[in-house]
Amino acid sequence: MADALRLPDRLAERARDISEGRVEAATPRDASTVILLRDSPAGDGLLVYLLRRVSSMKFAPGAYVFPGGSVDQRDGDLAVGWSGPSPADWGSAFGAAETLARELVCAAVRETFEESGVLLAGPAEDAIVPDTSADDWEADRQALLDRSQSLAELLARRGLVLRGDLLRPWAHWITPEIEERRYDTRFFVAALPEGQRTRDVSTESDRVAWVRPADAVEAAQRGDMRMLPPTLVTLTELTAYDSVSAVLAAQRRVRPRLPSARVTGDGVFLVLPEDVA
C-alpha cells in the first residue's frame, strides 16, 4: 500500500490553510467501530460485514465502512448491565481513561445494533440473545436511534447484560486534521453471534455485504469499492487470518494512528502512519 495519497483540491486547500495558521483543526469526537466477522459457509476463510454510506452523508459519502458511530452522552451510564473485561481493562487496551473506555464499549454495542440489527448482549454472562429480527426488537432499535431509549434502559427492561467479552480491541484511528469532521475511533472485532443475522436496516447506508477481506481489498484497488484508509488498512490486516477464531485470538498492541498532510511543491499528500504496511 502506498504511504502517501494525493489529496483532492478541497482538502489540499484546507491542508494549506491549517499549515499556515489560517484555519484551526477540528477537535475529534470519540467514536467506536465494530468489525463483524463470520466464517465463510464455503469453508474458504472469513467474511466481514460492510455497509456503503449513502451519498447524502456529510462524512465519507459513498464509502464502505464497518458499523459504528460517535459516543452518546448516555453510553457511560453506570446502570448498563455489564459482563466481560472491566472498563479499566478496556482502558488499558485502548489507552483511554476508565470512563471513556466504558463509553466506547457501550457505543460499540449500541451502534452495532442500530446499524446491523446485531446485539452483543444476553440474559447472563455466558448466554447471548439468539435472535433480534422480530418486530419488538425493531421497535427497540428505532427507540435507540431516536434517543427515546438508552442502551441501559433497553438492557434493563429485557433483563440483559452487555457481553463485552465478545469484543476484542483491534485498532485506534484518528481522523486527519484536514477533515472538517473528525473522529477519535477505537476499532473492535467481534464474531456474529450464533442464531443472529445482520439486516439491512441502517438509514445511513444504501448497501450491505458480507465479503472476504481479500476480495474487498481488490475491489477497493480497482476502484469498485470506495474506502477510507482505516477501512482498507484493516481489511488488508485481516487477509492474514483464515478464521474468525484466529482473529479473536490475535494479540494486538493498539496505538493511535493519525494520518497527516504533507504540503510539497508537487501537491498535497495524505501520509499514512509508519506502522501501516
Protein backbone atom coordinates (compact mmCIF):
# COMPACT_ATOMS: atom_id res chain seq x y z
CA MET A 1 0.00 0.00 0.00
CA ALA A 2 1.41 3.40 -0.93
CA ASP A 3 2.36 5.52 2.04
CA ALA A 4 1.07 8.76 0.53
CA LEU A 5 -2.14 9.66 -1.32
CA ARG A 6 -2.61 12.82 -3.36
CA LEU A 7 -5.39 14.92 -1.86
CA PRO A 8 -8.22 16.45 -3.93
CA ASP A 9 -8.23 20.22 -4.30
CA ARG A 10 -10.71 20.89 -1.49
CA LEU A 11 -8.70 19.01 1.11
CA ALA A 12 -5.40 20.29 -0.28
CA GLU A 13 -6.58 23.86 0.19
CA ARG A 14 -7.67 23.13 3.75
CA ALA A 15 -4.33 21.47 4.48
CA ARG A 16 -2.52 24.60 3.35
CA ASP A 17 -4.84 26.79 5.45
CA ILE A 18 -4.14 24.69 8.55
CA SER A 19 -0.38 24.53 7.98
CA GLU A 20 -0.23 28.32 7.54
CA GLY A 21 -2.42 29.04 10.58
CA ARG A 22 -5.47 30.41 8.76
CA VAL A 23 -7.73 27.60 9.99
CA GLU A 24 -7.76 25.59 13.20
CA ALA A 25 -8.19 21.84 13.10
CA ALA A 26 -11.47 20.49 14.47
CA THR A 27 -11.47 18.55 17.74
CA PRO A 28 -12.15 14.86 17.06
CA ARG A 29 -15.18 13.19 18.64
CA ASP A 30 -14.80 9.87 20.43
CA ALA A 31 -16.29 7.00 18.44
CA SER A 32 -16.42 3.21 18.19
CA THR A 33 -16.40 0.89 15.19
CA VAL A 34 -17.10 -2.85 15.21
CA ILE A 35 -15.74 -5.21 12.57
CA LEU A 36 -18.30 -8.01 12.45
CA LEU A 37 -16.92 -11.35 11.26
CA ARG A 38 -18.20 -14.79 10.39
CA ASP A 39 -16.62 -17.86 8.85
CA SER A 40 -17.49 -18.47 5.20
CA PRO A 41 -20.08 -21.25 4.71
CA ALA A 42 -17.91 -22.43 1.82
CA GLY A 43 -15.03 -23.02 4.20
CA ASP A 44 -12.70 -20.66 2.34
CA GLY A 45 -11.86 -18.22 5.10
CA LEU A 46 -13.66 -15.47 6.93
CA LEU A 47 -16.16 -12.85 5.86
CA VAL A 48 -16.51 -9.26 7.06
CA TYR A 49 -19.63 -7.11 7.16
CA LEU A 50 -19.54 -3.78 5.29
CA LEU A 51 -22.06 -1.00 4.76
CA ARG A 52 -21.97 1.61 1.99
CA ARG A 53 -22.77 5.07 3.32
CA VAL A 54 -25.46 6.97 1.41
CA SER A 55 -24.27 9.74 -0.89
CA SER A 56 -26.00 12.42 1.20
CA MET A 57 -23.82 11.79 4.27
CA LYS A 58 -21.54 14.68 5.21
CA PHE A 59 -18.70 12.35 6.22
CA ALA A 60 -17.39 9.70 3.81
CA PRO A 61 -20.38 9.65 1.42
CA GLY A 62 -20.43 6.55 -0.76
CA ALA A 63 -17.69 4.84 1.24
CA TYR A 64 -17.81 1.26 2.51
CA VAL A 65 -17.44 1.20 6.29
CA PHE A 66 -17.88 -1.01 9.34
CA PRO A 67 -20.83 -0.38 11.70
CA GLY A 68 -20.07 2.35 14.20
CA GLY A 69 -20.51 5.93 15.28
CA SER A 70 -19.93 8.60 17.88
CA VAL A 71 -20.15 8.07 21.62
CA ASP A 72 -23.51 9.19 23.03
CA GLN A 73 -23.58 11.08 26.32
CA ARG A 74 -25.59 8.22 27.86
CA ASP A 75 -23.18 5.47 26.82
CA GLY A 76 -21.31 5.85 30.08
CA ASP A 77 -24.39 5.13 32.20
CA LEU A 78 -23.28 3.02 35.17
CA ALA A 79 -26.67 1.28 35.07
CA VAL A 80 -25.66 -0.68 31.97
CA GLY A 81 -25.62 -4.40 32.82
CA TRP A 82 -22.02 -5.43 32.26
CA SER A 83 -20.09 -8.66 31.72
CA GLY A 84 -16.64 -9.35 30.40
CA PRO A 85 -13.44 -7.30 30.77
CA SER A 86 -13.78 -4.32 33.11
CA PRO A 87 -13.74 -0.73 31.83
CA ALA A 88 -10.28 -0.45 33.38
CA ASP A 89 -9.09 -3.40 31.27
CA TRP A 90 -10.54 -1.83 28.15
CA GLY A 91 -8.87 1.44 29.08
CA SER A 92 -5.51 -0.31 29.25
CA ALA A 93 -6.10 -1.89 25.85
CA PHE A 94 -7.04 1.36 24.17
CA GLY A 95 -5.01 3.89 26.15
CA ALA A 96 -8.16 5.53 27.49
CA ALA A 97 -9.45 6.64 30.86
CA GLU A 98 -11.83 4.19 32.52
CA THR A 99 -14.89 6.39 32.00
CA LEU A 100 -14.17 6.81 28.31
CA ALA A 101 -13.44 3.11 27.95
CA ARG A 102 -16.89 2.27 29.34
CA GLU A 103 -18.46 4.71 26.89
CA LEU A 104 -16.54 3.24 23.96
CA VAL A 105 -17.62 -0.33 24.70
CA CYS A 106 -21.26 0.70 25.16
CA ALA A 107 -21.14 2.76 21.97
CA ALA A 108 -19.73 -0.25 20.13
CA VAL A 109 -22.62 -2.46 21.25
CA ARG A 110 -25.27 0.22 20.69
CA GLU A 111 -24.05 1.26 17.23
CA THR A 112 -23.74 -2.34 16.07
CA PHE A 113 -27.37 -2.97 16.99
CA GLU A 114 -28.52 0.30 15.44
CA GLU A 115 -26.72 -0.27 12.13
CA SER A 116 -26.89 -4.03 11.65
CA GLY A 117 -29.55 -5.41 14.00
CA VAL A 118 -26.94 -7.49 15.84
CA LEU A 119 -26.98 -7.21 19.63
CA LEU A 120 -23.94 -8.27 21.65
CA ALA A 121 -25.86 -8.91 24.85
CA GLY A 122 -27.50 -11.79 26.67
CA PRO A 123 -29.58 -12.82 29.71
CA ALA A 124 -26.39 -13.92 31.50
CA GLU A 125 -22.65 -13.61 31.12
CA ASP A 126 -22.49 -16.99 29.36
CA ALA A 127 -25.55 -16.57 27.12
CA ILE A 128 -26.48 -14.41 24.16
CA VAL A 129 -29.69 -13.19 22.60
CA PRO A 130 -30.41 -15.80 19.89
CA ASP A 131 -32.49 -13.69 17.51
CA THR A 132 -33.25 -9.99 17.13
CA SER A 133 -35.31 -9.96 13.96
CA ALA A 134 -38.82 -9.75 15.46
CA ASP A 135 -40.93 -6.58 15.37
CA ASP A 136 -40.41 -5.83 19.07
CA TRP A 137 -36.65 -5.81 18.58
CA GLU A 138 -37.05 -3.47 15.64
CA ALA A 139 -39.06 -1.13 17.87
CA ASP A 140 -36.21 -1.17 20.38
CA ARG A 141 -33.69 -0.43 17.66
CA GLN A 142 -35.73 2.52 16.47
CA ALA A 143 -36.00 3.79 20.05
CA LEU A 144 -32.22 3.80 20.30
CA LEU A 145 -31.94 5.66 17.02
CA ASP A 146 -34.36 8.43 18.01
CA ARG A 147 -32.81 8.55 21.50
CA SER A 148 -36.13 7.89 23.24
CA GLN A 149 -34.43 4.90 24.88
CA SER A 150 -30.88 4.47 26.11
CA LEU A 151 -28.83 1.30 25.91
CA ALA A 152 -29.03 0.96 29.70
CA GLU A 153 -32.84 1.20 29.59
CA LEU A 154 -33.09 -1.36 26.79
CA LEU A 155 -30.88 -3.89 28.58
CA ALA A 156 -32.57 -3.40 31.95
CA ARG A 157 -36.08 -3.78 30.55
CA ARG A 158 -35.16 -7.00 28.77
CA GLY A 159 -33.07 -8.36 31.64
CA LEU A 160 -29.86 -8.41 29.61
CA VAL A 161 -26.20 -7.70 30.23
CA LEU A 162 -23.75 -6.27 27.74
CA ARG A 163 -21.37 -9.01 26.55
CA GLY A 164 -18.08 -7.15 26.39
CA ASP A 165 -16.23 -10.45 26.28
CA LEU A 166 -17.47 -10.92 22.71
CA LEU A 167 -15.41 -7.91 21.62
CA ARG A 168 -11.67 -7.63 21.10
CA PRO A 169 -9.58 -4.46 20.64
CA TRP A 170 -8.16 -4.09 17.14
CA ALA A 171 -7.04 -0.56 16.26
CA HIS A 172 -7.21 3.14 17.05
CA TRP A 173 -7.54 5.67 14.23
CA ILE A 174 -7.84 9.45 14.45
CA THR A 175 -9.24 11.38 11.50
CA PRO A 176 -6.56 13.65 9.99
CA GLU A 177 -6.65 17.35 10.79
CA ILE A 178 -7.58 18.27 7.21
CA GLU A 179 -11.10 16.90 7.66
CA GLU A 180 -13.79 19.23 8.98
CA ARG A 181 -15.47 16.31 10.75
CA ARG A 182 -13.01 14.34 12.84
CA TYR A 183 -13.33 11.21 14.96
CA ASP A 184 -11.10 9.54 17.53
CA THR A 185 -12.19 5.98 16.83
CA ARG A 186 -11.42 2.71 18.55
CA PHE A 187 -11.89 -0.37 16.36
CA PHE A 188 -13.24 -3.60 17.83
CA VAL A 189 -13.64 -7.04 16.26
CA ALA A 190 -16.48 -9.44 17.09
CA ALA A 191 -17.93 -12.65 15.73
CA LEU A 192 -21.52 -12.66 14.51
CA PRO A 193 -23.36 -14.38 17.39
CA GLU A 194 -24.82 -17.78 16.65
CA GLY A 195 -28.51 -17.50 15.78
CA GLN A 196 -28.36 -13.80 14.93
CA ARG A 197 -28.12 -12.34 11.48
CA THR A 198 -27.33 -8.92 10.08
CA ARG A 199 -30.10 -6.94 8.48
CA ASP A 200 -30.06 -4.04 6.03
CA VAL A 201 -31.59 -1.60 8.49
CA SER A 202 -29.33 1.45 8.66
CA THR A 203 -30.75 4.69 7.25
CA GLU A 204 -27.15 5.85 6.77
CA SER A 205 -26.32 3.10 4.26
CA ASP A 206 -27.77 2.01 0.92
CA ARG A 207 -25.99 -1.31 0.53
CA VAL A 208 -24.60 -4.02 2.82
CA ALA A 209 -22.42 -7.01 2.06
CA TRP A 210 -20.53 -9.91 3.60
CA VAL A 211 -17.22 -10.13 1.74
CA ARG A 212 -13.85 -11.84 2.04
CA PRO A 213 -11.26 -9.28 3.17
CA ALA A 214 -9.01 -10.05 0.19
CA ASP A 215 -11.91 -9.55 -2.24
CA ALA A 216 -12.80 -6.22 -0.63
CA VAL A 217 -9.18 -5.04 -0.85
CA GLU A 218 -9.01 -5.99 -4.53
CA ALA A 219 -12.32 -4.23 -5.21
CA ALA A 220 -11.03 -1.09 -3.50
CA GLN A 221 -7.82 -1.17 -5.52
CA ARG A 222 -9.86 -1.47 -8.73
CA GLY A 223 -11.97 1.48 -7.70
CA ASP A 224 -15.14 -0.59 -7.34
CA MET A 225 -15.47 -0.04 -3.60
CA ARG A 226 -14.60 3.36 -2.15
CA MET A 227 -12.95 3.18 1.28
CA LEU A 228 -11.20 5.47 3.69
CA PRO A 229 -7.63 4.41 4.59
CA PRO A 230 -8.54 2.94 8.03
CA THR A 231 -11.07 0.58 6.44
CA LEU A 232 -8.70 -0.51 3.70
CA VAL A 233 -5.81 -0.98 6.12
CA THR A 234 -7.99 -3.04 8.47
CA LEU A 235 -9.21 -5.28 5.66
CA THR A 236 -5.64 -5.73 4.49
CA GLU A 237 -4.63 -6.77 8.01
CA LEU A 238 -7.49 -9.28 8.13
CA THR A 239 -6.26 -11.04 4.98
CA ALA A 240 -3.59 -12.63 7.19
CA TYR A 241 -6.23 -14.68 9.08
CA ASP A 242 -8.17 -17.68 7.82
CA SER A 243 -10.87 -17.90 10.51
CA VAL A 244 -12.81 -15.83 12.99
CA SER A 245 -11.23 -17.69 15.90
CA ALA A 246 -7.77 -16.74 14.63
CA VAL A 247 -8.74 -13.06 14.52
CA LEU A 248 -10.19 -13.14 18.02
CA ALA A 249 -7.04 -14.85 19.33
CA ALA A 250 -4.71 -12.28 17.79
CA GLN A 251 -2.60 -10.31 20.25
CA ARG A 252 -2.85 -6.68 19.20
CA ARG A 253 -0.84 -3.79 20.55
CA VAL A 254 -3.15 -0.87 19.84
CA ARG A 255 -1.54 2.50 19.20
CA PRO A 256 -3.12 5.71 17.86
CA ARG A 257 -2.82 6.11 14.11
CA LEU A 258 -3.12 9.65 12.79
CA PRO A 259 -2.62 10.24 9.04
CA SER A 260 -1.10 13.63 8.29
CA ALA A 261 -0.98 16.03 5.36
CA ARG A 262 2.32 16.81 3.64
CA VAL A 263 2.48 20.01 1.60
CA THR A 264 5.08 19.83 -1.18
CA GLY A 265 5.87 21.66 -4.37
CA ASP A 266 4.23 18.82 -6.29
CA GLY A 267 0.97 18.93 -4.37
CA VAL A 268 -0.52 17.96 -1.04
CA PHE A 269 -0.45 14.35 0.07
CA LEU A 270 -2.03 12.33 2.86
CA VAL A 271 0.70 10.35 4.61
CA LEU A 272 -0.24 7.19 6.49
CA PRO A 273 1.41 6.26 9.80
CA GLU A 274 4.72 4.41 9.66
CA ASP A 275 3.29 1.18 11.09
CA VAL A 276 0.89 0.81 8.16
CA ALA A 277 2.20 -1.68 5.63
